[in-house]
Amino acid sequence: MMQLVCPHCQTANRVPEARLAEAPTCGACKQPLLAGAHALDAANIDAVLGQQAVPVLVDFWAPWCGPCRSFAPVFAAAAKKHGGRLLFAKVDTEAEPALGARFNIRSIPTLAVFASGQELGRLSGALPPAQLEQLIDEVLKQVSL
């Protein structure tokens, strides 16, 4: 069993590892646990990043940023494809400037990878699909999923 923290209501959910690819939903709020890109804010970021079941790939972005807007569909497609193995999340640094400061975000978009609450690495800039796939493969190898 793996424990996943719901990015919507922060409820801890036990999910069999073999069923991660089956789009598990939260037992409390019935929202998807891994599917899609979840919005993180000051209220839920610590619970989501601290969960130990799957790594979290966070896109720090802002709505006024052209490269962020052009990267959004690439990130969404990757979230759809790899949602059972990684949690994809987005932090709007315009709406959450304290989180941008806390994570020392100096340029956007910035992708940061977290596992068990620890940052494993980051890349800045809008990545093309092939480079994002390569990053995801490296993350999965690093955390042995």
Foldseek 3Di string as FASTA:
>chain_A
DFWAQAQVPRDIDDDPLVCLVVQDADPPPRHTRQAFAAEDAPVRPQSHLQGARAKEKEWEEAPVDPQQVVLVVLLRVVSRVCRSHYHHYYYHCVVHVVVCVVVVPDAPGKIWMGHNNDTPDMDHTRDDNVVVVVVVVVRCVVVVD
